[in-house]
Amino acid sequence: MRKNCIFCDFISGKRKEHLNGLPFKVLNETKHTLSFLSVEIPKAEDGHIIVTSKKHFFNLEDAPKFILHELIEHASLISKVLRKRHKGCNILLNDGKTAGQK
């Protein structure tokens, strides 16, 4: 866990709601990953689901391979569910400050 990381606070149970007061709710969870709805949803049709590891890593390449595999499997499951309802989805990674990671 990292100090001042909202994801770490959610995972540890320290934080129960987003900054705007909406509740934090896990969509799916594995041994090393979890997914949840982001509150940064501009329009109803632009859902934003975050899939993250339960352990904090600064960069993608810092995560061990077994966690990377679990992240890909988790994202694949979310994609499969979204494809049934919406016919597709975008998967992206913001890895580093210049890539939009906050």
PDB file of N, CA and C in Angstrom:
ATOM      1  N   MET A   1       0.829  -1.185   0.000  1.00  0.00           N
ATOM      2  CA  MET A   1       0.000   0.000   0.000  1.00  0.00           C
ATOM      3  C   MET A   1       0.879   1.257   0.000  1.00  0.00           C
ATOM      4  N   ARG A   2       0.408   2.246  -0.688  1.00  0.00           N
ATOM      5  CA  ARG A   2       1.155   3.506  -0.783  1.00  0.00           C
ATOM      6  C   ARG A   2       0.335   4.621  -0.146  1.00  0.00           C
ATOM      7  N   LYS A   3       1.010   5.461   0.585  1.00  0.00           N
ATOM      8  CA  LYS A   3       0.365   6.608   1.220  1.00  0.00           C
ATOM      9  C   LYS A   3      -0.095   7.590   0.135  1.00  0.00           C
ATOM     10  N   ASN A   4      -1.270   8.171   0.322  1.00  0.00           N
ATOM     11  CA  ASN A   4      -1.851   9.149  -0.602  1.00  0.00           C
ATOM     12  C   ASN A   4      -2.222   8.562  -1.966  1.00  0.00           C
ATOM     13  N   CYS A   5      -2.571   7.297  -1.999  1.00  0.00           N
ATOM     14  CA  CYS A   5      -3.032   6.662  -3.242  1.00  0.00           C
ATOM     15  C   CYS A   5      -4.479   6.246  -3.021  1.00  0.00           C
ATOM     16  N   ILE A   6      -5.395   6.833  -3.778  1.00  0.00           N
ATOM     17  CA  ILE A   6      -6.814   6.540  -3.591  1.00  0.00           C
ATOM     18  C   ILE A   6      -7.127   5.070  -3.870  1.00  0.00           C
ATOM     19  N   PHE A   7      -6.431   4.449  -4.855  1.00  0.00           N
ATOM     20  CA  PHE A   7      -6.658   3.029  -5.127  1.00  0.00           C
ATOM     21  C   PHE A   7      -6.250   2.188  -3.928  1.00  0.00           C
ATOM     22  N   CYS A   8      -5.092   2.483  -3.347  1.00  0.00           N
ATOM     23  CA  CYS A   8      -4.632   1.741  -2.157  1.00  0.00           C
ATOM     24  C   CYS A   8      -5.607   1.925  -0.998  1.00  0.00           C
ATOM     25  N   ASP A   9      -6.150   3.133  -0.852  1.00  0.00           N
ATOM     26  CA  ASP A   9      -7.136   3.390   0.210  1.00  0.00           C
ATOM     27  C   ASP A   9      -8.411   2.581  -0.015  1.00  0.00           C
ATOM     28  N   PHE A  10      -8.855   2.461  -1.262  1.00  0.00           N
ATOM     29  CA  PHE A  10     -10.023   1.631  -1.571  1.00  0.00           C
ATOM     30  C   PHE A  10      -9.733   0.162  -1.249  1.00  0.00           C
ATOM     31  N   ILE A  11      -8.599  -0.326  -1.717  1.00  0.00           N
ATOM     32  CA  ILE A  11      -8.241  -1.737  -1.553  1.00  0.00           C
ATOM     33  C   ILE A  11      -8.099  -2.110  -0.080  1.00  0.00           C
ATOM     34  N   SER A  12      -7.521  -1.236   0.720  1.00  0.00           N
ATOM     35  CA  SER A  12      -7.313  -1.523   2.145  1.00  0.00           C
ATOM     36  C   SER A  12      -8.590  -1.357   2.960  1.00  0.00           C
ATOM     37  N   GLY A  13      -9.604  -0.713   2.378  1.00  0.00           N
ATOM     38  CA  GLY A  13     -10.847  -0.455   3.100  1.00  0.00           C
ATOM     39  C   GLY A  13     -10.832   0.859   3.874  1.00  0.00           C
ATOM     40  N   LYS A  14      -9.721   1.588   3.782  1.00  0.00           N
ATOM     41  CA  LYS A  14      -9.596   2.884   4.462  1.00  0.00           C
ATOM     42  C   LYS A  14     -10.603   3.902   3.916  1.00  0.00           C
ATOM     43  N   ARG A  15     -10.872   3.815   2.616  1.00  0.00           N
ATOM     44  CA  ARG A  15     -11.809   4.731   1.956  1.00  0.00           C
ATOM     45  C   ARG A  15     -12.980   3.926   1.425  1.00  0.00           C
ATOM     46  N   LYS A  16     -14.193   4.413   1.660  1.00  0.00           N
ATOM     47  CA  LYS A  16     -15.422   3.724   1.226  1.00  0.00           C
ATOM     48  C   LYS A  16     -16.162   4.463   0.119  1.00  0.00           C
ATOM     49  N   GLU A  17     -15.723   5.697  -0.183  1.00  0.00           N
ATOM     50  CA  GLU A  17     -16.395   6.450  -1.233  1.00  0.00           C
ATOM     51  C   GLU A  17     -15.397   7.269  -2.041  1.00  0.00           C
ATOM     52  N   HIS A  18     -15.821   7.608  -3.256  1.00  0.00           N
ATOM     53  CA  HIS A  18     -15.013   8.448  -4.137  1.00  0.00           C
ATOM     54  C   HIS A  18     -14.984   9.872  -3.591  1.00  0.00           C
ATOM     55  N   LEU A  19     -14.137  10.704  -4.155  1.00  0.00           N
ATOM     56  CA  LEU A  19     -13.997  12.080  -3.693  1.00  0.00           C
ATOM     57  C   LEU A  19     -15.296  12.872  -3.770  1.00  0.00           C
ATOM     58  N   ASN A  20     -16.180  12.504  -4.692  1.00  0.00           N
ATOM     59  CA  ASN A  20     -17.456  13.216  -4.830  1.00  0.00           C
ATOM     60  C   ASN A  20     -18.559  12.626  -3.950  1.00  0.00           C
ATOM     61  N   GLY A  21     -18.228  11.619  -3.131  1.00  0.00           N
ATOM     62  CA  GLY A  21     -19.204  11.042  -2.214  1.00  0.00           C
ATOM     63  C   GLY A  21     -19.912   9.800  -2.708  1.00  0.00           C
ATOM     64  N   LEU A  22     -19.773   9.460  -4.012  1.00  0.00           N
ATOM     65  CA  LEU A  22     -20.386   8.234  -4.506  1.00  0.00           C
ATOM     66  C   LEU A  22     -19.676   7.025  -3.899  1.00  0.00           C
ATOM     67  N   PRO A  23     -20.418   5.954  -3.630  1.00  0.00           N
ATOM     68  CA  PRO A  23     -19.799   4.798  -2.975  1.00  0.00           C
ATOM     69  C   PRO A  23     -18.820   4.057  -3.883  1.00  0.00           C
ATOM     70  N   PHE A  24     -17.774   3.513  -3.270  1.00  0.00           N
ATOM     71  CA  PHE A  24     -16.831   2.644  -3.965  1.00  0.00           C
ATOM     72  C   PHE A  24     -17.417   1.240  -3.945  1.00  0.00           C
ATOM     73  N   LYS A  25     -17.597   0.648  -5.116  1.00  0.00           N
ATOM     74  CA  LYS A  25     -18.166  -0.700  -5.208  1.00  0.00           C
ATOM     75  C   LYS A  25     -17.323  -1.543  -6.153  1.00  0.00           C
ATOM     76  N   VAL A  26     -16.879  -2.675  -5.635  1.00  0.00           N
ATOM     77  CA  VAL A  26     -16.090  -3.612  -6.435  1.00  0.00           C
ATOM     78  C   VAL A  26     -17.016  -4.345  -7.402  1.00  0.00           C
ATOM     79  N   LEU A  27     -16.625  -4.427  -8.672  1.00  0.00           N
ATOM     80  CA  LEU A  27     -17.379  -5.181  -9.673  1.00  0.00           C
ATOM     81  C   LEU A  27     -16.939  -6.637  -9.695  1.00  0.00           C
ATOM     82  N   ASN A  28     -15.632  -6.846  -9.646  1.00  0.00           N
ATOM     83  CA  ASN A  28     -15.077  -8.191  -9.669  1.00  0.00           C
ATOM     84  C   ASN A  28     -13.746  -8.163  -8.929  1.00  0.00           C
ATOM     85  N   GLU A  29     -13.399  -9.306  -8.339  1.00  0.00           N
ATOM     86  CA  GLU A  29     -12.172  -9.372  -7.557  1.00  0.00           C
ATOM     87  C   GLU A  29     -11.530 -10.749  -7.727  1.00  0.00           C
ATOM     88  N   THR A  30     -10.219 -10.755  -7.861  1.00  0.00           N
ATOM     89  CA  THR A  30      -9.450 -11.993  -7.883  1.00  0.00           C
ATOM     90  C   THR A  30      -8.449 -11.917  -6.724  1.00  0.00           C
ATOM     91  N   LYS A  31      -7.579 -12.879  -6.638  1.00  0.00           N
ATOM     92  CA  LYS A  31      -6.603 -12.886  -5.546  1.00  0.00           C
ATOM     93  C   LYS A  31      -5.721 -11.633  -5.560  1.00  0.00           C
ATOM     94  N   HIS A  32      -5.338 -11.171  -6.761  1.00  0.00           N
ATOM     95  CA  HIS A  32      -4.390 -10.058  -6.866  1.00  0.00           C
ATOM     96  C   HIS A  32      -4.923  -8.828  -7.598  1.00  0.00           C
ATOM     97  N   THR A  33      -6.177  -8.857  -8.069  1.00  0.00           N
ATOM     98  CA  THR A  33      -6.721  -7.734  -8.837  1.00  0.00           C
ATOM     99  C   THR A  33      -8.148  -7.423  -8.415  1.00  0.00           C
ATOM    100  N   LEU A  34      -8.604  -6.236  -8.796  1.00  0.00           N
ATOM    101  CA  LEU A  34     -10.022  -5.909  -8.634  1.00  0.00           C
ATOM    102  C   LEU A  34     -10.427  -4.889  -9.668  1.00  0.00           C
ATOM    103  N   SER A  35     -11.727  -4.839  -9.939  1.00  0.00           N
ATOM    104  CA  SER A  35     -12.270  -3.864 -10.881  1.00  0.00           C
ATOM    105  C   SER A  35     -13.410  -3.120 -10.203  1.00  0.00           C
ATOM    106  N   PHE A  36     -13.545  -1.848 -10.582  1.00  0.00           N
ATOM    107  CA  PHE A  36     -14.603  -1.011 -10.017  1.00  0.00           C
ATOM    108  C   PHE A  36     -14.958   0.099 -10.998  1.00  0.00           C
ATOM    109  N   LEU A  37     -16.146   0.665 -10.808  1.00  0.00           N
ATOM    110  CA  LEU A  37     -16.575   1.782 -11.634  1.00  0.00           C
ATOM    111  C   LEU A  37     -15.874   3.053 -11.199  1.00  0.00           C
ATOM    112  N   SER A  38     -15.392   3.802 -12.160  1.00  0.00           N
ATOM    113  CA  SER A  38     -14.824   5.112 -11.885  1.00  0.00           C
ATOM    114  C   SER A  38     -15.966   6.112 -11.824  1.00  0.00           C
ATOM    115  N   VAL A  39     -15.766   7.196 -11.103  1.00  0.00           N
ATOM    116  CA  VAL A  39     -16.787   8.251 -11.074  1.00  0.00           C
ATOM    117  C   VAL A  39     -16.563   9.268 -12.181  1.00  0.00           C
ATOM    118  N   GLU A  40     -15.511   9.088 -12.958  1.00  0.00           N
ATOM    119  CA  GLU A  40     -15.216   9.996 -14.065  1.00  0.00           C
ATOM    120  C   GLU A  40     -15.920   9.516 -15.326  1.00  0.00           C
ATOM    121  N   ILE A  41     -17.245   9.567 -15.311  1.00  0.00           N
ATOM    122  CA  ILE A  41     -18.047   9.100 -16.440  1.00  0.00           C
ATOM    123  C   ILE A  41     -18.712  10.313 -17.087  1.00  0.00           C
ATOM    124  N   PRO A  42     -18.223  10.733 -18.262  1.00  0.00           N
ATOM    125  CA  PRO A  42     -18.785  11.927 -18.898  1.00  0.00           C
ATOM    126  C   PRO A  42     -20.216  11.748 -19.397  1.00  0.00           C
ATOM    127  N   LYS A  43     -20.550  10.574 -19.939  1.00  0.00           N
ATOM    128  CA  LYS A  43     -21.894  10.294 -20.445  1.00  0.00           C
ATOM    129  C   LYS A  43     -22.238   8.858 -20.089  1.00  0.00           C
ATOM    130  N   ALA A  44     -23.513   8.563 -20.019  1.00  0.00           N
ATOM    131  CA  ALA A  44     -23.955   7.215 -19.651  1.00  0.00           C
ATOM    132  C   ALA A  44     -23.358   6.146 -20.566  1.00  0.00           C
ATOM    133  N   GLU A  45     -23.191   6.463 -21.839  1.00  0.00           N
ATOM    134  CA  GLU A  45     -22.666   5.459 -22.764  1.00  0.00           C
ATOM    135  C   GLU A  45     -21.138   5.339 -22.706  1.00  0.00           C
ATOM    136  N   ASP A  46     -20.480   6.186 -21.935  1.00  0.00           N
ATOM    137  CA  ASP A  46     -19.019   6.160 -21.825  1.00  0.00           C
ATOM    138  C   ASP A  46     -18.583   5.626 -20.465  1.00  0.00           C
ATOM    139  N   GLY A  47     -18.975   4.416 -20.141  1.00  0.00           N
ATOM    140  CA  GLY A  47     -18.594   3.824 -18.868  1.00  0.00           C
ATOM    141  C   GLY A  47     -17.090   3.749 -18.716  1.00  0.00           C
ATOM    142  N   HIS A  48     -16.633   3.829 -17.495  1.00  0.00           N
ATOM    143  CA  HIS A  48     -15.207   3.834 -17.202  1.00  0.00           C
ATOM    144  C   HIS A  48     -14.986   2.845 -16.062  1.00  0.00           C
ATOM    145  N   ILE A  49     -14.451   1.671 -16.374  1.00  0.00           N
ATOM    146  CA  ILE A  49     -14.186   0.644 -15.383  1.00  0.00           C
ATOM    147  C   ILE A  49     -12.684   0.542 -15.194  1.00  0.00           C
ATOM    148  N   ILE A  50     -12.252   0.569 -13.960  1.00  0.00           N
ATOM    149  CA  ILE A  50     -10.832   0.461 -13.646  1.00  0.00           C
ATOM    150  C   ILE A  50     -10.532  -0.962 -13.195  1.00  0.00           C
ATOM    151  N   VAL A  51      -9.515  -1.559 -13.795  1.00  0.00           N
ATOM    152  CA  VAL A  51      -8.995  -2.858 -13.371  1.00  0.00           C
ATOM    153  C   VAL A  51      -7.586  -2.584 -12.862  1.00  0.00           C
ATOM    154  N   THR A  52      -7.318  -2.946 -11.622  1.00  0.00           N
ATOM    155  CA  THR A  52      -6.019  -2.644 -11.025  1.00  0.00           C
ATOM    156  C   THR A  52      -5.528  -3.802 -10.170  1.00  0.00           C
ATOM    157  N   SER A  53      -4.248  -3.811  -9.906  1.00  0.00           N
ATOM    158  CA  SER A  53      -3.697  -4.817  -8.993  1.00  0.00           C
ATOM    159  C   SER A  53      -3.953  -4.346  -7.565  1.00  0.00           C
ATOM    160  N   LYS A  54      -4.019  -5.292  -6.654  1.00  0.00           N
ATOM    161  CA  LYS A  54      -4.235  -4.953  -5.242  1.00  0.00           C
ATOM    162  C   LYS A  54      -2.961  -4.413  -4.603  1.00  0.00           C
ATOM    163  N   LYS A  55      -1.831  -4.730  -5.195  1.00  0.00           N
ATOM    164  CA  LYS A  55      -0.556  -4.207  -4.704  1.00  0.00           C
ATOM    165  C   LYS A  55      -0.159  -3.027  -5.571  1.00  0.00           C
ATOM    166  N   HIS A  56       0.373  -2.000  -4.944  1.00  0.00           N
ATOM    167  CA  HIS A  56       0.762  -0.790  -5.666  1.00  0.00           C
ATOM    168  C   HIS A  56       2.087  -1.012  -6.402  1.00  0.00           C
ATOM    169  N   PHE A  57       2.097  -0.695  -7.694  1.00  0.00           N
ATOM    170  CA  PHE A  57       3.312  -0.701  -8.503  1.00  0.00           C
ATOM    171  C   PHE A  57       3.393   0.642  -9.206  1.00  0.00           C
ATOM    172  N   PHE A  58       4.582   1.218  -9.274  1.00  0.00           N
ATOM    173  CA  PHE A  58       4.734   2.512  -9.935  1.00  0.00           C
ATOM    174  C   PHE A  58       4.578   2.408 -11.445  1.00  0.00           C
ATOM    175  N   ASN A  59       5.093   1.345 -12.018  1.00  0.00           N
ATOM    176  CA  ASN A  59       5.046   1.155 -13.471  1.00  0.00           C
ATOM    177  C   ASN A  59       4.619  -0.272 -13.785  1.00  0.00           C
ATOM    178  N   LEU A  60       4.093  -0.460 -14.968  1.00  0.00           N
ATOM    179  CA  LEU A  60       3.641  -1.777 -15.401  1.00  0.00           C
ATOM    180  C   LEU A  60       4.756  -2.815 -15.288  1.00  0.00           C
ATOM    181  N   GLU A  61       5.952  -2.440 -15.712  1.00  0.00           N
ATOM    182  CA  GLU A  61       7.059  -3.401 -15.719  1.00  0.00           C
ATOM    183  C   GLU A  61       7.552  -3.771 -14.316  1.00  0.00           C
ATOM    184  N   ASP A  62       7.090  -3.067 -13.299  1.00  0.00           N
ATOM    185  CA  ASP A  62       7.455  -3.398 -11.913  1.00  0.00           C
ATOM    186  C   ASP A  62       6.635  -4.564 -11.362  1.00  0.00           C
ATOM    187  N   ALA A  63       5.506  -4.853 -11.963  1.00  0.00           N
ATOM    188  CA  ALA A  63       4.630  -5.927 -11.482  1.00  0.00           C
ATOM    189  C   ALA A  63       5.181  -7.283 -11.911  1.00  0.00           C
ATOM    190  N   PRO A  64       5.104  -8.277 -11.028  1.00  0.00           N
ATOM    191  CA  PRO A  64       5.538  -9.628 -11.418  1.00  0.00           C
ATOM    192  C   PRO A  64       4.636 -10.201 -12.508  1.00  0.00           C
ATOM    193  N   LYS A  65       5.185 -11.132 -13.274  1.00  0.00           N
ATOM    194  CA  LYS A  65       4.452 -11.704 -14.408  1.00  0.00           C
ATOM    195  C   LYS A  65       3.122 -12.330 -13.991  1.00  0.00           C
ATOM    196  N   PHE A  66       3.064 -12.991 -12.839  1.00  0.00           N
ATOM    197  CA  PHE A  66       1.812 -13.643 -12.444  1.00  0.00           C
ATOM    198  C   PHE A  66       0.714 -12.613 -12.196  1.00  0.00           C
ATOM    199  N   ILE A  67       1.070 -11.426 -11.721  1.00  0.00           N
ATOM    200  CA  ILE A  67       0.063 -10.372 -11.533  1.00  0.00           C
ATOM    201  C   ILE A  67      -0.310  -9.765 -12.887  1.00  0.00           C
ATOM    202  N   LEU A  68       0.656  -9.592 -13.760  1.00  0.00           N
ATOM    203  CA  LEU A  68       0.352  -9.087 -15.108  1.00  0.00           C
ATOM    204  C   LEU A  68      -0.617 -10.025 -15.819  1.00  0.00           C
ATOM    205  N   HIS A  69      -0.385 -11.315 -15.701  1.00  0.00           N
ATOM    206  CA  HIS A  69      -1.287 -12.289 -16.332  1.00  0.00           C
ATOM    207  C   HIS A  69      -2.687 -12.187 -15.742  1.00  0.00           C
ATOM    208  N   GLU A  70      -2.761 -12.024 -14.417  1.00  0.00           N
ATOM    209  CA  GLU A  70      -4.073 -11.914 -13.764  1.00  0.00           C
ATOM    210  C   GLU A  70      -4.779 -10.625 -14.176  1.00  0.00           C
ATOM    211  N   LEU A  71      -4.029  -9.542 -14.346  1.00  0.00           N
ATOM    212  CA  LEU A  71      -4.618  -8.280 -14.813  1.00  0.00           C
ATOM    213  C   LEU A  71      -5.201  -8.432 -16.218  1.00  0.00           C
ATOM    214  N   ILE A  72      -4.465  -9.095 -17.103  1.00  0.00           N
ATOM    215  CA  ILE A  72      -4.943  -9.303 -18.474  1.00  0.00           C
ATOM    216  C   ILE A  72      -6.191 -10.182 -18.476  1.00  0.00           C
ATOM    217  N   GLU A  73      -6.192 -11.245 -17.679  1.00  0.00           N
ATOM    218  CA  GLU A  73      -7.368 -12.122 -17.583  1.00  0.00           C
ATOM    219  C   GLU A  73      -8.572 -11.348 -17.052  1.00  0.00           C
ATOM    220  N   HIS A  74      -8.346 -10.504 -16.063  1.00  0.00           N
ATOM    221  CA  HIS A  74      -9.422  -9.706 -15.467  1.00  0.00           C
ATOM    222  C   HIS A  74      -9.977  -8.724 -16.500  1.00  0.00           C
ATOM    223  N   ALA A  75      -9.076  -8.014 -17.189  1.00  0.00           N
ATOM    224  CA  ALA A  75      -9.513  -7.063 -18.222  1.00  0.00           C
ATOM    225  C   ALA A  75     -10.249  -7.787 -19.342  1.00  0.00           C
ATOM    226  N   SER A  76      -9.812  -8.988 -19.670  1.00  0.00           N
ATOM    227  CA  SER A  76     -10.471  -9.784 -20.701  1.00  0.00           C
ATOM    228  C   SER A  76     -11.894 -10.153 -20.285  1.00  0.00           C
ATOM    229  N   LEU A  77     -12.083 -10.511 -19.029  1.00  0.00           N
ATOM    230  CA  LEU A  77     -13.422 -10.825 -18.520  1.00  0.00           C
ATOM    231  C   LEU A  77     -14.335  -9.608 -18.601  1.00  0.00           C
ATOM    232  N   ILE A  78     -13.839  -8.459 -18.165  1.00  0.00           N
ATOM    233  CA  ILE A  78     -14.632  -7.221 -18.223  1.00  0.00           C
ATOM    234  C   ILE A  78     -14.984  -6.913 -19.684  1.00  0.00           C
ATOM    235  N   SER A  79     -14.008  -7.069 -20.581  1.00  0.00           N
ATOM    236  CA  SER A  79     -14.237  -6.829 -22.001  1.00  0.00           C
ATOM    237  C   SER A  79     -15.331  -7.748 -22.550  1.00  0.00           C
ATOM    238  N   LYS A  80     -15.296  -9.011 -22.160  1.00  0.00           N
ATOM    239  CA  LYS A  80     -16.293  -9.979 -22.617  1.00  0.00           C
ATOM    240  C   LYS A  80     -17.699  -9.560 -22.185  1.00  0.00           C
ATOM    241  N   VAL A  81     -17.830  -9.121 -20.960  1.00  0.00           N
ATOM    242  CA  VAL A  81     -19.125  -8.672 -20.437  1.00  0.00           C
ATOM    243  C   VAL A  81     -19.595  -7.431 -21.201  1.00  0.00           C
ATOM    244  N   LEU A  82     -18.697  -6.462 -21.394  1.00  0.00           N
ATOM    245  CA  LEU A  82     -19.066  -5.232 -22.107  1.00  0.00           C
ATOM    246  C   LEU A  82     -19.424  -5.509 -23.560  1.00  0.00           C
ATOM    247  N   ARG A  83     -18.717  -6.443 -24.180  1.00  0.00           N
ATOM    248  CA  ARG A  83     -18.983  -6.765 -25.585  1.00  0.00           C
ATOM    249  C   ARG A  83     -20.395  -7.322 -25.773  1.00  0.00           C
ATOM    250  N   LYS A  84     -20.869  -8.094 -24.807  1.00  0.00           N
ATOM    251  CA  LYS A  84     -22.228  -8.643 -24.898  1.00  0.00           C
ATOM    252  C   LYS A  84     -23.275  -7.535 -24.931  1.00  0.00           C
ATOM    253  N   ARG A  85     -23.059  -6.513 -24.144  1.00  0.00           N
ATOM    254  CA  ARG A  85     -24.053  -5.438 -24.020  1.00  0.00           C
ATOM    255  C   ARG A  85     -23.829  -4.299 -25.015  1.00  0.00           C
ATOM    256  N   HIS A  86     -22.567  -3.948 -25.258  1.00  0.00           N
ATOM    257  CA  HIS A  86     -22.261  -2.747 -26.041  1.00  0.00           C
ATOM    258  C   HIS A  86     -21.542  -3.025 -27.359  1.00  0.00           C
ATOM    259  N   LYS A  87     -21.296  -4.278 -27.675  1.00  0.00           N
ATOM    260  CA  LYS A  87     -20.658  -4.691 -28.934  1.00  0.00           C
ATOM    261  C   LYS A  87     -19.175  -4.354 -29.011  1.00  0.00           C
ATOM    262  N   GLY A  88     -18.587  -3.815 -27.951  1.00  0.00           N
ATOM    263  CA  GLY A  88     -17.158  -3.512 -27.956  1.00  0.00           C
ATOM    264  C   GLY A  88     -16.769  -2.647 -26.777  1.00  0.00           C
ATOM    265  N   CYS A  89     -15.475  -2.420 -26.652  1.00  0.00           N
ATOM    266  CA  CYS A  89     -14.962  -1.540 -25.598  1.00  0.00           C
ATOM    267  C   CYS A  89     -13.541  -1.117 -25.950  1.00  0.00           C
ATOM    268  N   ASN A  90     -13.043  -0.128 -25.264  1.00  0.00           N
ATOM    269  CA  ASN A  90     -11.652   0.307 -25.388  1.00  0.00           C
ATOM    270  C   ASN A  90     -10.917  -0.120 -24.133  1.00  0.00           C
ATOM    271  N   ILE A  91      -9.696  -0.598 -24.304  1.00  0.00           N
ATOM    272  CA  ILE A  91      -8.844  -0.917 -23.168  1.00  0.00           C
ATOM    273  C   ILE A  91      -7.603  -0.053 -23.301  1.00  0.00           C
ATOM    274  N   LEU A  92      -7.287   0.694 -22.250  1.00  0.00           N
ATOM    275  CA  LEU A  92      -6.099   1.532 -22.314  1.00  0.00           C
ATOM    276  C   LEU A  92      -5.356   1.488 -20.992  1.00  0.00           C
ATOM    277  N   LEU A  93      -4.099   1.885 -21.049  1.00  0.00           N
ATOM    278  CA  LEU A  93      -3.246   1.906 -19.878  1.00  0.00           C
ATOM    279  C   LEU A  93      -2.592   3.275 -19.794  1.00  0.00           C
ATOM    280  N   ASN A  94      -2.796   3.950 -18.692  1.00  0.00           N
ATOM    281  CA  ASN A  94      -2.095   5.198 -18.421  1.00  0.00           C
ATOM    282  C   ASN A  94      -0.921   4.835 -17.518  1.00  0.00           C
ATOM    283  N   ASP A  95       0.266   4.678 -18.095  1.00  0.00           N
ATOM    284  CA  ASP A  95       1.448   4.222 -17.363  1.00  0.00           C
ATOM    285  C   ASP A  95       2.488   5.329 -17.333  1.00  0.00           C
ATOM    286  N   GLY A  96       2.450   6.117 -16.283  1.00  0.00           N
ATOM    287  CA  GLY A  96       3.368   7.247 -16.138  1.00  0.00           C
ATOM    288  C   GLY A  96       2.641   8.570 -16.260  1.00  0.00           C
ATOM    289  N   LYS A  97       3.175   9.575 -15.617  1.00  0.00           N
ATOM    290  CA  LYS A  97       2.546  10.900 -15.574  1.00  0.00           C
ATOM    291  C   LYS A  97       2.283  11.475 -16.960  1.00  0.00           C
ATOM    292  N   THR A  98       3.262  11.362 -17.874  1.00  0.00           N
ATOM    293  CA  THR A  98       3.078  11.918 -19.220  1.00  0.00           C
ATOM    294  C   THR A  98       2.047  11.141 -20.028  1.00  0.00           C
ATOM    295  N   ALA A  99       1.684   9.941 -19.557  1.00  0.00           N
ATOM    296  CA  ALA A  99       0.661   9.143 -20.234  1.00  0.00           C
ATOM    297  C   ALA A  99      -0.723   9.373 -19.609  1.00  0.00           C
ATOM    298  N   GLY A 100      -0.808  10.297 -18.668  1.00  0.00           N
ATOM    299  CA  GLY A 100      -2.094  10.609 -18.055  1.00  0.00           C
ATOM    300  C   GLY A 100      -2.360   9.916 -16.736  1.00  0.00           C
ATOM    301  N   GLN A 101      -1.374   9.158 -16.216  1.00  0.00           N
ATOM    302  CA  GLN A 101      -1.555   8.495 -14.925  1.00  0.00           C
ATOM    303  C   GLN A 101      -1.552   9.533 -13.817  1.00  0.00           C
ATOM    304  N   LYS A 102      -2.527   9.378 -12.900  1.00  0.00           N
ATOM    305  CA  LYS A 102      -2.624  10.310 -11.775  1.00  0.00           C
ATOM    306  C   LYS A 102      -2.372   9.574 -10.484  1.00  0.00           C
TER     307      LYS A 102
END
